[in-house]
């Protein structure tokens, strides 16, 4: 696996975990971008949005608002299962025990 793929998988896991910690499992792309930065994952806002769309396409979250400035997203039940390590998801790093 390439380093780029490894970091994308880790980024996706951290995004799901961040949403799991937010009230109502909802957040926006700006908040998630800041959370990733605090975890030492320095991605651009465009990269964050691209990965949020990918997670939506895999049914791990729902996009509630889509504007050029920000996405508002909500964690799905399936996304919560991935964040908590209950199911394996191709393209997302498995949480450590």
N, C-alpha and C. Protein backbone atom coordinates (compact mmCIF):
# COMPACT_ATOMS: atom_id res chain seq x y z
N UNK A 1 0.85 -1.18 0.00
CA UNK A 1 0.00 0.00 0.00
C UNK A 1 0.89 1.24 0.00
N UNK A 2 0.53 2.21 -0.82
CA UNK A 2 1.31 3.44 -0.89
C UNK A 2 1.07 4.29 0.37
N UNK A 3 2.01 5.18 0.63
CA UNK A 3 1.86 6.07 1.78
C UNK A 3 0.63 6.96 1.62
N UNK A 4 0.36 7.39 0.38
CA UNK A 4 -0.82 8.23 0.13
C UNK A 4 -2.10 7.49 0.50
N UNK A 5 -2.21 6.23 0.10
CA UNK A 5 -3.40 5.44 0.45
C UNK A 5 -3.50 5.24 1.95
N UNK A 6 -2.37 4.99 2.59
CA UNK A 6 -2.36 4.81 4.05
C UNK A 6 -2.87 6.06 4.76
N UNK A 7 -2.41 7.24 4.33
CA UNK A 7 -2.86 8.47 4.99
C UNK A 7 -4.33 8.75 4.71
N UNK A 8 -4.81 8.41 3.51
CA UNK A 8 -6.24 8.59 3.22
C UNK A 8 -7.08 7.69 4.12
N UNK A 9 -6.66 6.45 4.30
CA UNK A 9 -7.41 5.53 5.16
C UNK A 9 -7.45 6.04 6.60
N UNK A 10 -6.32 6.56 7.07
CA UNK A 10 -6.28 7.11 8.43
C UNK A 10 -7.16 8.36 8.53
N UNK A 11 -7.10 9.22 7.52
CA UNK A 11 -7.91 10.43 7.50
C UNK A 11 -9.39 10.09 7.59
N UNK A 12 -9.82 9.10 6.83
CA UNK A 12 -11.23 8.71 6.83
C UNK A 12 -11.67 8.19 8.19
N UNK A 13 -10.82 7.40 8.83
CA UNK A 13 -11.15 6.90 10.17
C UNK A 13 -11.27 8.06 11.16
N UNK A 14 -10.32 8.97 11.13
CA UNK A 14 -10.36 10.11 12.06
C UNK A 14 -11.60 10.96 11.80
N UNK A 15 -11.99 11.15 10.56
CA UNK A 15 -13.20 11.92 10.26
C UNK A 15 -14.42 11.27 10.90
N UNK A 16 -14.54 9.96 10.77
CA UNK A 16 -15.68 9.26 11.38
C UNK A 16 -15.63 9.37 12.90
N UNK A 17 -14.45 9.26 13.47
CA UNK A 17 -14.32 9.37 14.93
C UNK A 17 -14.66 10.77 15.41
N UNK A 18 -14.25 11.78 14.66
CA UNK A 18 -14.59 13.16 15.03
C UNK A 18 -16.10 13.36 15.03
N UNK A 19 -16.77 12.87 13.99
CA UNK A 19 -18.23 12.99 13.93
C UNK A 19 -18.89 12.25 15.08
N UNK A 20 -18.34 11.11 15.46
CA UNK A 20 -18.89 10.32 16.56
C UNK A 20 -18.87 11.12 17.87
N UNK A 21 -17.90 12.00 18.02
CA UNK A 21 -17.75 12.78 19.25
C UNK A 21 -18.59 14.06 19.27
N UNK A 22 -19.11 14.47 18.12
CA UNK A 22 -19.86 15.72 18.05
C UNK A 22 -21.33 15.52 18.45
N UNK A 23 -21.96 16.56 19.02
CA UNK A 23 -23.38 16.45 19.36
C UNK A 23 -24.21 16.08 18.13
N UNK A 24 -25.13 15.17 18.33
CA UNK A 24 -26.02 14.68 17.26
C UNK A 24 -25.25 14.04 16.10
N UNK A 25 -23.98 13.73 16.32
CA UNK A 25 -23.14 13.10 15.28
C UNK A 25 -23.07 13.95 14.01
N UNK A 26 -23.20 15.26 14.17
CA UNK A 26 -23.21 16.19 13.05
C UNK A 26 -22.05 17.16 13.16
N UNK A 27 -21.54 17.56 12.00
CA UNK A 27 -20.48 18.55 11.97
C UNK A 27 -20.36 19.14 10.58
N UNK A 28 -19.44 20.08 10.45
CA UNK A 28 -19.22 20.66 9.12
C UNK A 28 -17.78 20.45 8.69
N UNK A 29 -17.55 20.66 7.41
CA UNK A 29 -16.23 20.39 6.85
C UNK A 29 -15.15 21.25 7.49
N UNK A 30 -15.48 22.45 7.91
CA UNK A 30 -14.49 23.32 8.56
C UNK A 30 -14.08 22.78 9.93
N UNK A 31 -15.04 22.33 10.71
CA UNK A 31 -14.75 21.74 12.02
C UNK A 31 -13.93 20.47 11.86
N UNK A 32 -14.29 19.65 10.90
CA UNK A 32 -13.55 18.40 10.65
C UNK A 32 -12.13 18.71 10.19
N UNK A 33 -11.97 19.72 9.34
CA UNK A 33 -10.64 20.13 8.89
C UNK A 33 -9.77 20.51 10.10
N UNK A 34 -10.33 21.29 11.02
CA UNK A 34 -9.59 21.68 12.22
C UNK A 34 -9.26 20.49 13.10
N UNK A 35 -10.20 19.55 13.22
CA UNK A 35 -9.95 18.35 14.02
C UNK A 35 -8.85 17.50 13.44
N UNK A 36 -8.82 17.35 12.13
CA UNK A 36 -7.75 16.60 11.47
C UNK A 36 -6.41 17.26 11.72
N UNK A 37 -6.39 18.59 11.65
CA UNK A 37 -5.14 19.32 11.88
C UNK A 37 -4.63 19.08 13.30
N UNK A 38 -5.53 19.04 14.27
CA UNK A 38 -5.12 18.79 15.66
C UNK A 38 -4.58 17.37 15.84
N UNK A 39 -5.02 16.44 14.99
CA UNK A 39 -4.52 15.06 15.02
C UNK A 39 -3.23 14.92 14.21
N UNK A 40 -2.71 16.03 13.69
CA UNK A 40 -1.47 15.99 12.93
C UNK A 40 -1.66 15.56 11.49
N UNK A 41 -2.89 15.64 11.00
CA UNK A 41 -3.18 15.27 9.61
C UNK A 41 -3.51 16.55 8.84
N UNK A 42 -2.50 17.13 8.24
CA UNK A 42 -2.64 18.42 7.58
C UNK A 42 -3.08 18.30 6.13
N UNK A 43 -4.38 18.22 5.93
CA UNK A 43 -4.96 18.14 4.59
C UNK A 43 -5.62 19.47 4.25
N UNK A 44 -5.74 19.74 2.95
CA UNK A 44 -6.42 20.96 2.51
C UNK A 44 -7.93 20.82 2.70
N UNK A 45 -8.62 21.93 2.68
CA UNK A 45 -10.09 21.91 2.79
C UNK A 45 -10.71 21.16 1.61
N UNK A 46 -10.12 21.30 0.43
CA UNK A 46 -10.62 20.56 -0.74
C UNK A 46 -10.46 19.05 -0.54
N UNK A 47 -9.34 18.63 0.02
CA UNK A 47 -9.14 17.21 0.29
C UNK A 47 -10.16 16.70 1.30
N UNK A 48 -10.44 17.50 2.32
CA UNK A 48 -11.44 17.11 3.32
C UNK A 48 -12.79 16.92 2.66
N UNK A 49 -13.20 17.86 1.82
CA UNK A 49 -14.49 17.73 1.14
C UNK A 49 -14.51 16.51 0.23
N UNK A 50 -13.43 16.26 -0.50
CA UNK A 50 -13.37 15.09 -1.38
C UNK A 50 -13.58 13.81 -0.60
N UNK A 51 -12.94 13.70 0.56
CA UNK A 51 -13.07 12.49 1.37
C UNK A 51 -14.45 12.39 2.02
N UNK A 52 -15.06 13.53 2.35
CA UNK A 52 -16.43 13.49 2.86
C UNK A 52 -17.39 12.97 1.80
N UNK A 53 -17.19 13.39 0.55
CA UNK A 53 -18.02 12.85 -0.54
C UNK A 53 -17.80 11.35 -0.68
N UNK A 54 -16.54 10.92 -0.56
CA UNK A 54 -16.24 9.48 -0.66
C UNK A 54 -16.96 8.71 0.45
N UNK A 55 -16.89 9.22 1.67
CA UNK A 55 -17.56 8.57 2.80
C UNK A 55 -19.08 8.54 2.59
N UNK A 56 -19.63 9.59 2.01
CA UNK A 56 -21.05 9.61 1.68
C UNK A 56 -21.38 8.53 0.65
N UNK A 57 -20.55 8.42 -0.38
CA UNK A 57 -20.78 7.43 -1.44
C UNK A 57 -20.73 6.00 -0.92
N UNK A 58 -20.02 5.79 0.19
CA UNK A 58 -19.93 4.46 0.81
C UNK A 58 -20.99 4.27 1.90
N UNK A 59 -21.85 5.25 2.10
CA UNK A 59 -22.94 5.22 3.09
C UNK A 59 -22.46 5.28 4.53
N UNK A 60 -21.31 5.92 4.78
CA UNK A 60 -20.80 6.08 6.14
C UNK A 60 -21.26 7.40 6.76
N UNK A 61 -21.75 8.31 5.93
CA UNK A 61 -22.31 9.56 6.43
C UNK A 61 -23.29 10.11 5.40
N UNK A 62 -24.07 11.09 5.84
CA UNK A 62 -25.02 11.78 4.97
C UNK A 62 -24.59 13.24 4.86
N UNK A 63 -24.75 13.81 3.69
CA UNK A 63 -24.50 15.24 3.52
C UNK A 63 -25.83 15.95 3.62
N UNK A 64 -25.96 16.81 4.64
CA UNK A 64 -27.21 17.52 4.88
C UNK A 64 -27.25 18.88 4.19
N UNK A 65 -26.08 19.49 3.99
CA UNK A 65 -25.99 20.79 3.33
C UNK A 65 -24.72 20.81 2.51
N UNK A 66 -24.83 21.22 1.26
CA UNK A 66 -23.69 21.24 0.35
C UNK A 66 -23.64 22.61 -0.30
N UNK A 67 -22.71 23.45 0.15
CA UNK A 67 -22.50 24.76 -0.46
C UNK A 67 -21.03 24.85 -0.88
N UNK A 68 -20.68 25.83 -1.70
CA UNK A 68 -19.27 25.97 -2.07
C UNK A 68 -18.36 26.21 -0.86
N UNK A 69 -18.89 26.80 0.19
CA UNK A 69 -18.07 27.13 1.35
C UNK A 69 -17.94 25.98 2.34
N UNK A 70 -19.01 25.23 2.55
CA UNK A 70 -19.00 24.24 3.64
C UNK A 70 -19.96 23.10 3.35
N UNK A 71 -19.61 21.93 3.87
CA UNK A 71 -20.51 20.78 3.87
C UNK A 71 -20.95 20.54 5.31
N UNK A 72 -22.21 20.25 5.52
CA UNK A 72 -22.70 19.81 6.82
C UNK A 72 -23.03 18.33 6.67
N UNK A 73 -22.44 17.52 7.55
CA UNK A 73 -22.57 16.07 7.42
C UNK A 73 -23.05 15.45 8.73
N UNK A 74 -23.63 14.26 8.61
CA UNK A 74 -24.09 13.51 9.77
C UNK A 74 -23.62 12.07 9.64
N UNK A 75 -23.07 11.54 10.70
CA UNK A 75 -22.59 10.17 10.74
C UNK A 75 -23.77 9.21 10.62
N UNK A 76 -23.63 8.20 9.78
CA UNK A 76 -24.67 7.17 9.66
C UNK A 76 -24.40 6.06 10.68
N UNK A 77 -25.37 5.19 10.86
CA UNK A 77 -25.18 4.05 11.76
C UNK A 77 -24.02 3.19 11.28
N UNK A 78 -23.95 3.00 9.99
CA UNK A 78 -22.84 2.22 9.41
C UNK A 78 -21.50 2.91 9.69
N UNK A 79 -21.45 4.22 9.56
CA UNK A 79 -20.23 4.96 9.85
C UNK A 79 -19.82 4.84 11.31
N UNK A 80 -20.80 4.84 12.20
CA UNK A 80 -20.51 4.67 13.62
C UNK A 80 -19.94 3.28 13.87
N UNK A 81 -20.48 2.27 13.21
CA UNK A 81 -19.96 0.91 13.35
C UNK A 81 -18.49 0.83 12.92
N UNK A 82 -18.14 1.54 11.85
CA UNK A 82 -16.75 1.56 11.39
C UNK A 82 -15.87 2.29 12.41
N UNK A 83 -16.31 3.45 12.88
CA UNK A 83 -15.54 4.25 13.83
C UNK A 83 -15.26 3.48 15.12
N UNK A 84 -16.19 2.63 15.51
CA UNK A 84 -16.05 1.87 16.75
C UNK A 84 -15.41 0.50 16.53
N UNK A 85 -15.03 0.19 15.29
CA UNK A 85 -14.34 -1.06 15.01
C UNK A 85 -15.24 -2.29 14.96
N UNK A 86 -16.54 -2.10 14.85
CA UNK A 86 -17.46 -3.24 14.79
C UNK A 86 -17.48 -3.90 13.43
N UNK A 87 -17.20 -3.12 12.39
CA UNK A 87 -17.11 -3.70 11.04
C UNK A 87 -15.84 -3.18 10.36
N UNK A 88 -15.29 -4.01 9.48
CA UNK A 88 -14.16 -3.61 8.65
C UNK A 88 -14.70 -2.92 7.41
N UNK A 89 -14.02 -1.89 6.97
CA UNK A 89 -14.46 -1.15 5.80
C UNK A 89 -13.27 -0.95 4.86
N UNK A 90 -13.36 -1.48 3.65
CA UNK A 90 -12.28 -1.24 2.68
C UNK A 90 -12.09 0.25 2.47
N UNK A 91 -10.84 0.70 2.48
CA UNK A 91 -10.55 2.11 2.26
C UNK A 91 -10.50 2.94 3.53
N UNK A 92 -10.75 2.30 4.68
CA UNK A 92 -10.70 3.00 5.97
C UNK A 92 -9.85 2.18 6.92
N UNK A 93 -8.92 2.85 7.58
CA UNK A 93 -8.05 2.17 8.53
C UNK A 93 -8.88 1.55 9.65
N UNK A 94 -8.52 0.35 10.03
CA UNK A 94 -9.20 -0.31 11.14
C UNK A 94 -8.71 0.31 12.45
N UNK A 95 -9.63 0.65 13.36
CA UNK A 95 -9.21 1.22 14.64
C UNK A 95 -8.33 0.25 15.43
N UNK A 96 -7.39 0.78 16.17
CA UNK A 96 -6.55 -0.05 17.03
C UNK A 96 -7.35 -0.53 18.22
N UNK A 97 -6.96 -1.69 18.73
CA UNK A 97 -7.65 -2.27 19.89
C UNK A 97 -7.28 -1.52 21.15
